[in-house]
Amino acid sequence: MKKFSLTLILIGHFLVSTKSNAQENYMNYHSKVIECEELIVEGKYTSAINKFDSLFNQFNFLFLRDIKVATELSAYDNDYKSGLNFVRLGIKAGWSLESINKNKNLQSLREQPEWAKLMSTYDSLHKTYLSKINFQVKEQVHEMFKKDQKKAFGALLRIGQKAKRRYSQKKFAPHSEQQLEKLEQILNEYGYPGERLIGNNLWGSVILSHHNSISVNYNSNDTLYALLRPKLLNALKQGEISPYELAQIEDWRIAGLHDHKLTTYGFLGAIPDDTVLETVNKNRANIGLRSIDLRNELIDVENETGMDLHLPKGWQNGKITVANRR
């Protein structure tokens, strides 16, 4: 059993318009992504590519992860026209030239005659991405993130669980309360500072995960996160936070409160039996996250094809198992 500790989670778009953002429900977006993934595990790659293409035409903001999956799938299925179009979309969504060039699974696309012309337009396409980022908020959240990391690092210098817990409650908690107050101000004025608003889907979720894992005693009595939670759920519908981020933020709270013996979404903590698995899958469906079984099947596809389907890594490396299954 993992020992709960604050130090466990040390790092290890601007809205197009209020009106258009309000008209888009990203729960529909995520459900369509899951449909694409179900087609992938069935080996229906062409159908999945077509569904991705249709989905990408329906929403103003696209999560880069999904574009990368569609691109790799197209390259694997030798659908070079779709693959090149998805690369173009990816650049507009922040896909860096370095990342594109390092991706070995895109080699067949790089061999196409149209590749050089596409890459020559990288700078102009990238400007589309930059025009959607709120750099003022990005810098503010980045500074908050760095302060959070520095403060959390202090727990590493304490010897023994009691000392670490005392530091977390006496030193880190007051700092974290200030961080959440600032996050709430940003949420109220701009929305959640994630991939859509600032082009980064890590900083805000780490700050919130740190807060949710201070100590059992602190988090049992904490009201700050409870006040933010409805705003995070609204941000999920607006496409400002992904289901992966929200699930990890919430699972840190549950895992921390129960010594990693309970989990809400299966990101942290054990899944002891099929009854708990059923509950976890219902929770995942409620926020637009694929089922545990589908995730495990996608890992099989990765192993068989060599594609990277960009599943959450870190605490979830490999398949998620149910403890009593053989």
C-alpha atoms as a PDB file:
ATOM      1  CA  MET A   1       0.000   0.000   0.000  1.00  0.00           C
ATOM      2  CA  LYS A   2       1.318   3.416  -0.946  1.00  0.00           C
ATOM      3  CA  LYS A   3       1.917   5.778   1.953  1.00  0.00           C
ATOM      4  CA  PHE A   4      -0.053   8.978   1.613  1.00  0.00           C
ATOM      5  CA  SER A   5       2.147  12.041   1.452  1.00  0.00           C
ATOM      6  CA  LEU A   6       1.982  15.501   0.026  1.00  0.00           C
ATOM      7  CA  THR A   7       5.349  14.903  -1.588  1.00  0.00           C
ATOM      8  CA  LEU A   8       4.039  12.016  -3.685  1.00  0.00           C
ATOM      9  CA  ILE A   9       2.724  14.406  -6.309  1.00  0.00           C
ATOM     10  CA  LEU A  10       5.687  16.690  -6.752  1.00  0.00           C
ATOM     11  CA  ILE A  11       6.150  16.849 -10.496  1.00  0.00           C
ATOM     12  CA  GLY A  12       6.713  13.990 -11.244  1.00  0.00           C
ATOM     13  CA  HIS A  13      -7.447  29.411 -25.010  1.00  0.00           C
ATOM     14  CA  PHE A  14      -8.430  32.083 -24.416  1.00  0.00           C
ATOM     15  CA  LEU A  15     -12.270  31.756 -24.912  1.00  0.00           C
ATOM     16  CA  VAL A  16     -13.315  32.395 -28.494  1.00  0.00           C
ATOM     17  CA  SER A  17     -16.358  34.245 -27.193  1.00  0.00           C
ATOM     18  CA  THR A  18     -18.700  33.938 -24.260  1.00  0.00           C
ATOM     19  CA  LYS A  19     -21.611  33.171 -26.554  1.00  0.00           C
ATOM     20  CA  SER A  20     -19.925  30.430 -28.595  1.00  0.00           C
ATOM     21  CA  ASN A  21     -18.407  28.893 -25.477  1.00  0.00           C
ATOM     22  CA  ALA A  22     -21.793  28.686 -23.783  1.00  0.00           C
ATOM     23  CA  GLN A  23     -23.263  26.878 -26.783  1.00  0.00           C
ATOM     24  CA  GLU A  24     -20.725  24.057 -26.634  1.00  0.00           C
ATOM     25  CA  ASN A  25     -21.198  21.261 -24.137  1.00  0.00           C
ATOM     26  CA  TYR A  26     -17.942  19.362 -23.907  1.00  0.00           C
ATOM     27  CA  MET A  27     -19.622  16.388 -22.300  1.00  0.00           C
ATOM     28  CA  ASN A  28     -20.838  15.728 -25.857  1.00  0.00           C
ATOM     29  CA  TYR A  29     -17.278  16.188 -27.111  1.00  0.00           C
ATOM     30  CA  HIS A  30     -15.863  13.629 -24.695  1.00  0.00           C
ATOM     31  CA  SER A  31     -18.630  11.116 -25.400  1.00  0.00           C
ATOM     32  CA  LYS A  32     -17.744  11.308 -29.106  1.00  0.00           C
ATOM     33  CA  VAL A  33     -14.066  10.735 -28.291  1.00  0.00           C
ATOM     34  CA  ILE A  34     -15.044   7.598 -26.381  1.00  0.00           C
ATOM     35  CA  GLU A  35     -17.007   6.431 -29.439  1.00  0.00           C
ATOM     36  CA  CYS A  36     -13.851   6.906 -31.509  1.00  0.00           C
ATOM     37  CA  GLU A  37     -11.864   4.865 -28.997  1.00  0.00           C
ATOM     38  CA  GLU A  38     -14.433   2.066 -29.080  1.00  0.00           C
ATOM     39  CA  LEU A  39     -14.040   1.922 -32.860  1.00  0.00           C
ATOM     40  CA  ILE A  40     -10.265   1.774 -32.441  1.00  0.00           C
ATOM     41  CA  VAL A  41     -10.392  -1.277 -30.167  1.00  0.00           C
ATOM     42  CA  GLU A  42     -12.734  -2.927 -32.691  1.00  0.00           C
ATOM     43  CA  GLY A  43     -10.130  -2.353 -35.388  1.00  0.00           C
ATOM     44  CA  LYS A  44     -12.469  -0.033 -37.313  1.00  0.00           C
ATOM     45  CA  TYR A  45      -9.777   2.544 -37.946  1.00  0.00           C
ATOM     46  CA  THR A  46     -11.343   4.234 -40.981  1.00  0.00           C
ATOM     47  CA  SER A  47     -14.621   4.761 -39.121  1.00  0.00           C
ATOM     48  CA  ALA A  48     -12.725   6.160 -36.132  1.00  0.00           C
ATOM     49  CA  ILE A  49     -10.798   8.585 -38.370  1.00  0.00           C
ATOM     50  CA  ASN A  50     -14.025   9.787 -39.981  1.00  0.00           C
ATOM     51  CA  LYS A  51     -15.673  10.268 -36.589  1.00  0.00           C
ATOM     52  CA  PHE A  52     -12.678  12.233 -35.306  1.00  0.00           C
ATOM     53  CA  ASP A  53     -12.851  14.422 -38.414  1.00  0.00           C
ATOM     54  CA  SER A  54     -16.561  15.069 -37.875  1.00  0.00           C
ATOM     55  CA  LEU A  55     -16.005  15.831 -34.187  1.00  0.00           C
ATOM     56  CA  PHE A  56     -13.201  18.298 -34.865  1.00  0.00           C
ATOM     57  CA  ASN A  57     -15.502  20.265 -37.176  1.00  0.00           C
ATOM     58  CA  GLN A  58     -18.110  20.695 -34.455  1.00  0.00           C
ATOM     59  CA  PHE A  59     -16.138  22.451 -31.701  1.00  0.00           C
ATOM     60  CA  ASN A  60     -14.130  25.675 -31.512  1.00  0.00           C
ATOM     61  CA  PHE A  61     -11.581  24.275 -29.088  1.00  0.00           C
ATOM     62  CA  LEU A  62      -9.976  20.863 -29.522  1.00  0.00           C
ATOM     63  CA  PHE A  63      -7.913  19.018 -26.947  1.00  0.00           C
ATOM     64  CA  LEU A  64      -4.484  18.422 -28.456  1.00  0.00           C
ATOM     65  CA  ARG A  65      -4.329  14.880 -27.128  1.00  0.00           C
ATOM     66  CA  ASP A  66      -7.290  13.865 -29.309  1.00  0.00           C
ATOM     67  CA  ILE A  67      -5.763  15.417 -32.424  1.00  0.00           C
ATOM     68  CA  LYS A  68      -2.546  13.490 -31.799  1.00  0.00           C
ATOM     69  CA  VAL A  69      -4.473  10.216 -31.512  1.00  0.00           C
ATOM     70  CA  ALA A  70      -6.347  10.911 -34.751  1.00  0.00           C
ATOM     71  CA  THR A  71      -3.078  11.770 -36.500  1.00  0.00           C
ATOM     72  CA  GLU A  72      -1.257   8.628 -35.410  1.00  0.00           C
ATOM     73  CA  LEU A  73      -4.278   6.514 -36.311  1.00  0.00           C
ATOM     74  CA  SER A  74      -4.361   8.059 -39.800  1.00  0.00           C
ATOM     75  CA  ALA A  75      -0.661   7.428 -40.306  1.00  0.00           C
ATOM     76  CA  TYR A  76      -1.033   3.821 -39.170  1.00  0.00           C
ATOM     77  CA  ASP A  77      -4.031   3.316 -41.485  1.00  0.00           C
ATOM     78  CA  ASN A  78      -2.183   4.936 -44.416  1.00  0.00           C
ATOM     79  CA  ASP A  79      -4.789   7.696 -44.639  1.00  0.00           C
ATOM     80  CA  TYR A  80      -2.235  10.381 -45.399  1.00  0.00           C
ATOM     81  CA  LYS A  81      -4.717  13.049 -46.452  1.00  0.00           C
ATOM     82  CA  SER A  82      -6.515  12.890 -43.104  1.00  0.00           C
ATOM     83  CA  GLY A  83      -3.218  12.642 -41.245  1.00  0.00           C
ATOM     84  CA  LEU A  84      -1.857  15.821 -42.836  1.00  0.00           C
ATOM     85  CA  ASN A  85      -5.100  17.653 -42.092  1.00  0.00           C
ATOM     86  CA  PHE A  86      -4.921  16.552 -38.467  1.00  0.00           C
ATOM     87  CA  VAL A  87      -1.305  17.748 -38.198  1.00  0.00           C
ATOM     88  CA  ARG A  88      -2.489  21.143 -39.448  1.00  0.00           C
ATOM     89  CA  LEU A  89      -5.203  21.177 -36.769  1.00  0.00           C
ATOM     90  CA  GLY A  90      -2.668  20.076 -34.179  1.00  0.00           C
ATOM     91  CA  ILE A  91      -0.337  22.981 -34.920  1.00  0.00           C
ATOM     92  CA  LYS A  92      -3.268  25.366 -34.507  1.00  0.00           C
ATOM     93  CA  ALA A  93      -3.923  23.673 -31.154  1.00  0.00           C
ATOM     94  CA  GLY A  94      -0.342  24.063 -29.918  1.00  0.00           C
ATOM     95  CA  TRP A  95       1.460  20.969 -31.229  1.00  0.00           C
ATOM     96  CA  SER A  96       5.097  21.994 -31.187  1.00  0.00           C
ATOM     97  CA  LEU A  97       7.406  21.452 -34.148  1.00  0.00           C
ATOM     98  CA  GLU A  98       9.845  19.615 -31.889  1.00  0.00           C
ATOM     99  CA  SER A  99       7.170  17.185 -30.730  1.00  0.00           C
ATOM    100  CA  ILE A 100       5.972  16.573 -34.277  1.00  0.00           C
ATOM    101  CA  ASN A 101       9.487  15.885 -35.544  1.00  0.00           C
ATOM    102  CA  LYS A 102      10.277  13.508 -32.673  1.00  0.00           C
ATOM    103  CA  ASN A 103       7.163  11.403 -33.211  1.00  0.00           C
ATOM    104  CA  LYS A 104       8.392   8.259 -34.993  1.00  0.00           C
ATOM    105  CA  ASN A 105       4.843   7.165 -35.704  1.00  0.00           C
ATOM    106  CA  LEU A 106       4.445  10.086 -38.115  1.00  0.00           C
ATOM    107  CA  GLN A 107       7.293   8.974 -40.392  1.00  0.00           C
ATOM    108  CA  SER A 108       4.937   7.908 -43.192  1.00  0.00           C
ATOM    109  CA  LEU A 109       3.380  11.383 -43.172  1.00  0.00           C
ATOM    110  CA  ARG A 110       6.786  13.040 -43.304  1.00  0.00           C
ATOM    111  CA  GLU A 111       7.492  11.062 -46.483  1.00  0.00           C
ATOM    112  CA  GLN A 112       4.515  12.587 -48.288  1.00  0.00           C
ATOM    113  CA  PRO A 113       5.165  15.266 -50.950  1.00  0.00           C
ATOM    114  CA  GLU A 114       2.820  17.691 -49.146  1.00  0.00           C
ATOM    115  CA  TRP A 115       4.781  17.512 -45.875  1.00  0.00           C
ATOM    116  CA  ALA A 116       7.388  20.157 -46.705  1.00  0.00           C
ATOM    117  CA  LYS A 117       4.709  22.615 -47.797  1.00  0.00           C
ATOM    118  CA  LEU A 118       2.760  21.999 -44.595  1.00  0.00           C
ATOM    119  CA  MET A 119       5.823  22.551 -42.433  1.00  0.00           C
ATOM    120  CA  SER A 120       6.574  25.811 -44.273  1.00  0.00           C
ATOM    121  CA  THR A 121       3.285  27.155 -42.918  1.00  0.00           C
ATOM    122  CA  TYR A 122       4.063  26.149 -39.314  1.00  0.00           C
ATOM    123  CA  ASP A 123       4.707  29.684 -38.039  1.00  0.00           C
ATOM    124  CA  SER A 124       1.491  31.108 -39.454  1.00  0.00           C
ATOM    125  CA  LEU A 125      -0.539  28.160 -38.136  1.00  0.00           C
ATOM    126  CA  HIS A 126       1.123  28.443 -34.733  1.00  0.00           C
ATOM    127  CA  LYS A 127       0.045  32.094 -34.528  1.00  0.00           C
ATOM    128  CA  THR A 128      -3.546  30.881 -34.457  1.00  0.00           C
ATOM    129  CA  TYR A 129      -2.732  28.981 -31.280  1.00  0.00           C
ATOM    130  CA  LEU A 130      -0.866  31.893 -29.705  1.00  0.00           C
ATOM    131  CA  SER A 131      -3.749  34.270 -30.410  1.00  0.00           C
ATOM    132  CA  LYS A 132      -6.019  32.190 -28.167  1.00  0.00           C
ATOM    133  CA  ILE A 133      -3.726  32.047 -25.126  1.00  0.00           C
ATOM    134  CA  ASN A 134      -4.125  34.470 -22.230  1.00  0.00           C
ATOM    135  CA  PHE A 135      -0.438  35.071 -21.480  1.00  0.00           C
ATOM    136  CA  GLN A 136      -1.102  37.260 -18.455  1.00  0.00           C
ATOM    137  CA  VAL A 137      -3.019  34.485 -16.715  1.00  0.00           C
ATOM    138  CA  LYS A 138      -0.511  31.918 -17.941  1.00  0.00           C
ATOM    139  CA  GLU A 139       2.361  33.741 -16.270  1.00  0.00           C
ATOM    140  CA  GLN A 140       0.365  34.204 -13.077  1.00  0.00           C
ATOM    141  CA  VAL A 141      -0.519  30.500 -12.818  1.00  0.00           C
ATOM    142  CA  HIS A 142       3.022  29.469 -13.703  1.00  0.00           C
ATOM    143  CA  GLU A 143       4.351  31.536 -10.817  1.00  0.00           C
ATOM    144  CA  MET A 144       1.757  29.980  -8.529  1.00  0.00           C
ATOM    145  CA  PHE A 145       2.829  26.543  -9.691  1.00  0.00           C
ATOM    146  CA  LYS A 146       6.501  27.246  -9.021  1.00  0.00           C
ATOM    147  CA  LYS A 147       5.705  28.533  -5.531  1.00  0.00           C
ATOM    148  CA  ASP A 148       3.610  25.451  -4.907  1.00  0.00           C
ATOM    149  CA  GLN A 149       6.427  23.142  -5.954  1.00  0.00           C
ATOM    150  CA  LYS A 150       8.917  24.988  -3.787  1.00  0.00           C
ATOM    151  CA  LYS A 151       6.626  24.852  -0.767  1.00  0.00           C
ATOM    152  CA  ALA A 152       5.786  21.179  -1.298  1.00  0.00           C
ATOM    153  CA  PHE A 153       9.476  20.360  -1.611  1.00  0.00           C
ATOM    154  CA  GLY A 154       9.847  21.387   2.037  1.00  0.00           C
ATOM    155  CA  ALA A 155       8.038  18.216   3.042  1.00  0.00           C
ATOM    156  CA  LEU A 156      10.871  16.173   1.565  1.00  0.00           C
ATOM    157  CA  LEU A 157      13.262  17.731   4.052  1.00  0.00           C
ATOM    158  CA  ARG A 158      11.237  16.472   6.998  1.00  0.00           C
ATOM    159  CA  ILE A 159      12.129  13.077   8.396  1.00  0.00           C
ATOM    160  CA  GLY A 160       9.267  10.789   9.371  1.00  0.00           C
ATOM    161  CA  GLN A 161       5.555  10.865   8.604  1.00  0.00           C
ATOM    162  CA  LYS A 162       4.669  12.898  11.700  1.00  0.00           C
ATOM    163  CA  ALA A 163       7.110  15.647  10.755  1.00  0.00           C
ATOM    164  CA  LYS A 164       5.882  15.692   7.173  1.00  0.00           C
ATOM    165  CA  ARG A 165       2.256  15.850   8.325  1.00  0.00           C
ATOM    166  CA  ARG A 166       3.039  18.666  10.759  1.00  0.00           C
ATOM    167  CA  TYR A 167       4.787  20.636   8.014  1.00  0.00           C
ATOM    168  CA  SER A 168       1.874  20.068   5.629  1.00  0.00           C
ATOM    169  CA  GLN A 169      -0.694  21.334   8.113  1.00  0.00           C
ATOM    170  CA  LYS A 170       1.311  24.198   9.632  1.00  0.00           C
ATOM    171  CA  LYS A 171       3.299  25.464   6.657  1.00  0.00           C
ATOM    172  CA  PHE A 172       1.788  24.201   3.431  1.00  0.00           C
ATOM    173  CA  ALA A 173      -1.915  24.568   4.300  1.00  0.00           C
ATOM    174  CA  PRO A 174      -1.864  28.392   4.782  1.00  0.00           C
ATOM    175  CA  HIS A 175       0.061  28.758   1.514  1.00  0.00           C
ATOM    176  CA  SER A 176      -2.388  26.444  -0.276  1.00  0.00           C
ATOM    177  CA  GLU A 177      -5.387  28.383   0.994  1.00  0.00           C
ATOM    178  CA  GLN A 178      -3.971  31.534  -0.600  1.00  0.00           C
ATOM    179  CA  GLN A 179      -3.382  29.610  -3.824  1.00  0.00           C
ATOM    180  CA  LEU A 180      -7.006  28.464  -3.966  1.00  0.00           C
ATOM    181  CA  GLU A 181      -8.259  31.984  -3.347  1.00  0.00           C
ATOM    182  CA  LYS A 182      -6.237  33.162  -6.357  1.00  0.00           C
ATOM    183  CA  LEU A 183      -7.481  30.244  -8.452  1.00  0.00           C
ATOM    184  CA  GLU A 184     -11.060  31.123  -7.573  1.00  0.00           C
ATOM    185  CA  GLN A 185     -10.485  34.708  -8.708  1.00  0.00           C
ATOM    186  CA  ILE A 186      -9.108  33.444 -12.024  1.00  0.00           C
ATOM    187  CA  LEU A 187     -12.003  31.010 -12.399  1.00  0.00           C
ATOM    188  CA  ASN A 188     -14.539  33.751 -11.762  1.00  0.00           C
ATOM    189  CA  GLU A 189     -12.955  36.189 -14.228  1.00  0.00           C
ATOM    190  CA  TYR A 190     -11.479  34.021 -16.975  1.00  0.00           C
ATOM    191  CA  GLY A 191     -12.465  30.392 -16.426  1.00  0.00           C
ATOM    192  CA  TYR A 192     -10.305  27.470 -15.401  1.00  0.00           C
ATOM    193  CA  PRO A 193      -6.623  27.993 -16.266  1.00  0.00           C
ATOM    194  CA  GLY A 194      -6.039  24.844 -18.286  1.00  0.00           C
ATOM    195  CA  GLU A 195      -5.162  23.914 -21.838  1.00  0.00           C
ATOM    196  CA  ARG A 196      -7.891  26.086 -23.363  1.00  0.00           C
ATOM    197  CA  LEU A 197      -7.041  29.278 -21.502  1.00  0.00           C
ATOM    198  CA  ILE A 198      -3.273  29.127 -20.952  1.00  0.00           C
ATOM    199  CA  GLY A 199      -2.085  26.178 -23.035  1.00  0.00           C
ATOM    200  CA  ASN A 200      -1.033  24.166 -19.977  1.00  0.00           C
ATOM    201  CA  ASN A 201      -3.034  21.327 -18.426  1.00  0.00           C
ATOM    202  CA  LEU A 202      -0.701  20.620 -15.505  1.00  0.00           C
ATOM    203  CA  TRP A 203      -0.108  23.652 -13.325  1.00  0.00           C
ATOM    204  CA  GLY A 204      -3.645  24.198 -12.058  1.00  0.00           C
ATOM    205  CA  SER A 205      -4.349  20.522 -11.489  1.00  0.00           C
ATOM    206  CA  VAL A 206      -1.117  20.072  -9.503  1.00  0.00           C
ATOM    207  CA  ILE A 207      -1.974  23.021  -7.260  1.00  0.00           C
ATOM    208  CA  LEU A 208      -5.427  21.582  -6.584  1.00  0.00           C
ATOM    209  CA  SER A 209      -4.100  18.043  -6.111  1.00  0.00           C
ATOM    210  CA  HIS A 210      -1.559  19.311  -3.589  1.00  0.00           C
ATOM    211  CA  HIS A 211      -4.333  21.041  -1.686  1.00  0.00           C
ATOM    212  CA  ASN A 212      -6.442  17.888  -1.677  1.00  0.00           C
ATOM    213  CA  SER A 213      -3.627  15.822  -0.184  1.00  0.00           C
ATOM    214  CA  ILE A 214      -2.392  17.933   2.740  1.00  0.00           C
ATOM    215  CA  SER A 215      -3.473  15.514   5.468  1.00  0.00           C
ATOM    216  CA  VAL A 216      -6.443  13.412   6.494  1.00  0.00           C
ATOM    217  CA  ASN A 217      -7.309  15.810   9.311  1.00  0.00           C
ATOM    218  CA  TYR A 218      -6.993  18.960   7.197  1.00  0.00           C
ATOM    219  CA  ASN A 219      -8.876  17.662   4.164  1.00  0.00           C
ATOM    220  CA  SER A 220     -11.628  16.178   6.322  1.00  0.00           C
ATOM    221  CA  ASN A 221     -12.457  19.714   7.436  1.00  0.00           C
ATOM    222  CA  ASP A 222     -11.545  21.635   4.280  1.00  0.00           C
ATOM    223  CA  THR A 223     -14.295  23.750   2.708  1.00  0.00           C
ATOM    224  CA  LEU A 224     -12.297  25.616   0.050  1.00  0.00           C
ATOM    225  CA  TYR A 225     -12.216  22.803  -2.470  1.00  0.00           C
ATOM    226  CA  ALA A 226     -15.900  22.055  -1.869  1.00  0.00           C
ATOM    227  CA  LEU A 227     -16.686  25.650  -2.878  1.00  0.00           C
ATOM    228  CA  LEU A 228     -14.543  25.370  -6.020  1.00  0.00           C
ATOM    229  CA  ARG A 229     -15.857  21.992  -7.118  1.00  0.00           C
ATOM    230  CA  PRO A 230     -19.109  23.214  -8.782  1.00  0.00           C
ATOM    231  CA  LYS A 231     -17.024  25.692 -10.779  1.00  0.00           C
ATOM    232  CA  LEU A 232     -14.706  22.894 -11.885  1.00  0.00           C
ATOM    233  CA  LEU A 233     -17.691  20.840 -13.020  1.00  0.00           C
ATOM    234  CA  ASN A 234     -18.907  23.820 -15.016  1.00  0.00           C
ATOM    235  CA  ALA A 235     -15.414  24.244 -16.449  1.00  0.00           C
ATOM    236  CA  LEU A 236     -15.593  20.605 -17.570  1.00  0.00           C
ATOM    237  CA  LYS A 237     -18.741  21.338 -19.583  1.00  0.00           C
ATOM    238  CA  GLN A 238     -17.081  24.425 -21.087  1.00  0.00           C
ATOM    239  CA  GLY A 239     -14.006  22.503 -22.247  1.00  0.00           C
ATOM    240  CA  GLU A 240     -11.715  24.390 -19.871  1.00  0.00           C
ATOM    241  CA  ILE A 241     -10.638  21.334 -17.908  1.00  0.00           C
ATOM    242  CA  SER A 242     -10.346  17.772 -19.163  1.00  0.00           C
ATOM    243  CA  PRO A 243     -11.891  14.708 -17.481  1.00  0.00           C
ATOM    244  CA  TYR A 244      -8.355  13.435 -16.792  1.00  0.00           C
ATOM    245  CA  GLU A 245      -7.402  16.522 -14.786  1.00  0.00           C
ATOM    246  CA  LEU A 246     -10.636  16.577 -12.794  1.00  0.00           C
ATOM    247  CA  ALA A 247     -10.437  12.864 -12.030  1.00  0.00           C
ATOM    248  CA  GLN A 248      -6.894  13.108 -10.676  1.00  0.00           C
ATOM    249  CA  ILE A 249      -7.697  16.192  -8.594  1.00  0.00           C
ATOM    250  CA  GLU A 250     -10.652  14.435  -6.983  1.00  0.00           C
ATOM    251  CA  ASP A 251      -8.941  11.078  -6.602  1.00  0.00           C
ATOM    252  CA  TRP A 252      -6.113  12.674  -4.633  1.00  0.00           C
ATOM    253  CA  ARG A 253      -8.642  13.840  -2.075  1.00  0.00           C
ATOM    254  CA  ILE A 254     -10.326  10.442  -1.766  1.00  0.00           C
ATOM    255  CA  ALA A 255      -7.024   8.538  -1.733  1.00  0.00           C
ATOM    256  CA  GLY A 256      -5.559  10.868   0.859  1.00  0.00           C
ATOM    257  CA  LEU A 257      -8.551  10.606   3.135  1.00  0.00           C
ATOM    258  CA  HIS A 258      -8.552   6.811   3.013  1.00  0.00           C
ATOM    259  CA  ASP A 259      -4.876   5.836   2.818  1.00  0.00           C
ATOM    260  CA  HIS A 260      -5.243   4.926  -0.872  1.00  0.00           C
ATOM    261  CA  LYS A 261      -7.795   2.242  -0.014  1.00  0.00           C
ATOM    262  CA  LEU A 262     -10.613   4.020  -1.865  1.00  0.00           C
ATOM    263  CA  THR A 263     -10.810   5.557  -5.320  1.00  0.00           C
ATOM    264  CA  THR A 264     -13.475   7.523  -7.179  1.00  0.00           C
ATOM    265  CA  TYR A 265     -12.187   7.306 -10.738  1.00  0.00           C
ATOM    266  CA  GLY A 266      -9.511   4.621 -10.584  1.00  0.00           C
ATOM    267  CA  PHE A 267      -6.574   6.988 -10.941  1.00  0.00           C
ATOM    268  CA  LEU A 268      -5.304   6.398  -7.407  1.00  0.00           C
ATOM    269  CA  GLY A 269      -6.049   3.628  -4.963  1.00  0.00           C
ATOM    270  CA  ALA A 270      -6.997   0.021  -5.465  1.00  0.00           C
ATOM    271  CA  ILE A 271     -10.090  -1.379  -7.165  1.00  0.00           C
ATOM    272  CA  PRO A 272     -10.794  -4.370  -4.908  1.00  0.00           C
ATOM    273  CA  ASP A 273     -13.718  -6.016  -6.676  1.00  0.00           C
ATOM    274  CA  ASP A 274     -16.279  -5.811  -9.495  1.00  0.00           C
ATOM    275  CA  THR A 275     -18.766  -3.911  -7.319  1.00  0.00           C
ATOM    276  CA  VAL A 276     -16.303  -1.072  -6.814  1.00  0.00           C
ATOM    277  CA  LEU A 277     -15.350  -1.289 -10.505  1.00  0.00           C
ATOM    278  CA  GLU A 278     -18.983  -0.722 -11.471  1.00  0.00           C
ATOM    279  CA  THR A 279     -19.128   2.386  -9.277  1.00  0.00           C
ATOM    280  CA  VAL A 280     -15.820   3.678 -10.620  1.00  0.00           C
ATOM    281  CA  ASN A 281     -17.022   3.258 -14.210  1.00  0.00           C
ATOM    282  CA  LYS A 282     -20.246   5.128 -13.425  1.00  0.00           C
ATOM    283  CA  ASN A 283     -18.227   7.966 -11.902  1.00  0.00           C
ATOM    284  CA  ARG A 284     -15.969   8.042 -14.953  1.00  0.00           C
ATOM    285  CA  ALA A 285     -18.954   8.125 -17.335  1.00  0.00           C
ATOM    286  CA  ASN A 286     -20.434  11.060 -15.419  1.00  0.00           C
ATOM    287  CA  ILE A 287     -17.415  13.236 -16.272  1.00  0.00           C
ATOM    288  CA  GLY A 288     -16.812  11.960 -19.806  1.00  0.00           C
ATOM    289  CA  LEU A 289     -14.019   9.534 -19.023  1.00  0.00           C
ATOM    290  CA  ARG A 290     -13.705   6.105 -20.678  1.00  0.00           C
ATOM    291  CA  SER A 291     -14.351   2.949 -18.671  1.00  0.00           C
ATOM    292  CA  ILE A 292     -11.525   1.006 -17.061  1.00  0.00           C
ATOM    293  CA  ASP A 293     -12.056  -1.899 -19.466  1.00  0.00           C
ATOM    294  CA  LEU A 294     -11.893   0.384 -22.508  1.00  0.00           C
ATOM    295  CA  ARG A 295      -8.692   1.923 -21.208  1.00  0.00           C
ATOM    296  CA  ASN A 296      -7.143  -1.509 -20.787  1.00  0.00           C
ATOM    297  CA  GLU A 297      -8.234  -2.517 -24.291  1.00  0.00           C
ATOM    298  CA  LEU A 298      -6.618   0.625 -25.703  1.00  0.00           C
ATOM    299  CA  ILE A 299      -3.363  -0.394 -24.023  1.00  0.00           C
ATOM    300  CA  ASP A 300      -3.625  -3.715 -25.867  1.00  0.00           C
ATOM    301  CA  VAL A 301      -3.987  -1.769 -29.127  1.00  0.00           C
ATOM    302  CA  GLU A 302      -0.903   0.279 -28.278  1.00  0.00           C
ATOM    303  CA  ASN A 303       1.093  -2.876 -27.633  1.00  0.00           C
ATOM    304  CA  GLU A 304      -0.100  -4.531 -30.834  1.00  0.00           C
ATOM    305  CA  THR A 305       0.301  -1.568 -33.199  1.00  0.00           C
ATOM    306  CA  GLY A 306       2.986   0.635 -31.667  1.00  0.00           C
ATOM    307  CA  MET A 307       0.645   3.620 -31.729  1.00  0.00           C
ATOM    308  CA  ASP A 308       0.625   6.047 -28.820  1.00  0.00           C
ATOM    309  CA  LEU A 309      -3.011   6.623 -27.870  1.00  0.00           C
ATOM    310  CA  HIS A 310      -1.944   9.208 -25.282  1.00  0.00           C
ATOM    311  CA  LEU A 311      -3.510   7.579 -22.263  1.00  0.00           C
ATOM    312  CA  PRO A 312      -2.735   9.156 -18.882  1.00  0.00           C
ATOM    313  CA  LYS A 313       0.591   7.915 -17.589  1.00  0.00           C
ATOM    314  CA  GLY A 314       2.365   8.332 -14.251  1.00  0.00           C
ATOM    315  CA  TRP A 315       0.157   6.873 -11.538  1.00  0.00           C
ATOM    316  CA  GLN A 316      -1.680   4.807 -14.137  1.00  0.00           C
ATOM    317  CA  ASN A 317       1.164   3.140 -16.037  1.00  0.00           C
ATOM    318  CA  GLY A 318      -0.011  -0.135 -17.497  1.00  0.00           C
ATOM    319  CA  LYS A 319      -3.439  -1.617 -17.089  1.00  0.00           C
ATOM    320  CA  ILE A 320      -5.711  -0.858 -14.157  1.00  0.00           C
ATOM    321  CA  THR A 321      -6.563  -4.142 -12.513  1.00  0.00           C
ATOM    322  CA  VAL A 322      -9.305  -5.352 -10.192  1.00  0.00           C
ATOM    323  CA  ALA A 323      -7.630  -6.917  -7.168  1.00  0.00           C
ATOM    324  CA  ASN A 324      -9.662 -10.123  -6.936  1.00  0.00           C
ATOM    325  CA  ARG A 325      -9.526 -10.960 -10.652  1.00  0.00           C
ATOM    326  CA  ARG A 326      -7.102 -13.576 -11.871  1.00  0.00           C
END
